[in-house]
């Protein structure tokens, strides 16, 4: 039983750390420390906390710098992720873009493809789509449902230009096959 306490304690510590790095907590810490640092002294004197604020000023400054630096770092990381995700979609081959075009045309986040399509396997390897479940289909034509990742769905939904020629070609091909 003693061995279980250590992992539970570590889980608790990790949980607290994750809580502290949550965007709402960071923003609240930043706003609170900013108010404590930059409010005029008259406000503190009126509230009767002037001596208390003066005694913890160093901790307030440290909280302010820590919260603002983490917020800026998270913003930079988020921008880099968005840029790299966009480049993944932009640098896909024509076959992969044709498959992604089906998600837009059908306006669905899950589409069924065959096991043997190389393009879908490349999309899975790039983590643009992921295996969802076995789909319907005939015994000779088993399909697999593939779920598009939320970041990829957002990018292709908001910027059709990334799939421009393939989107048009796929739509016309599906229309000819009466699958539209």
Foldseek 3Di string as FASTA:
>chain_A
DVVVVVVVVVVVVVVVVVVCLPVVNLVVLQVVLCCLVPPDLVVCVVVVCNVVSVVCVVVSVVSNVVSVVSVVVVVVVVVVVLVVLLVVLLPQDLVLLLVVLVCVVVVHQKDKDFPPDPSVVVCVVVVQKHWDAWDDDDPVTTITIIGGDPSNCVNCNVCVVSSPVSNVVSVVVCVVVVVD
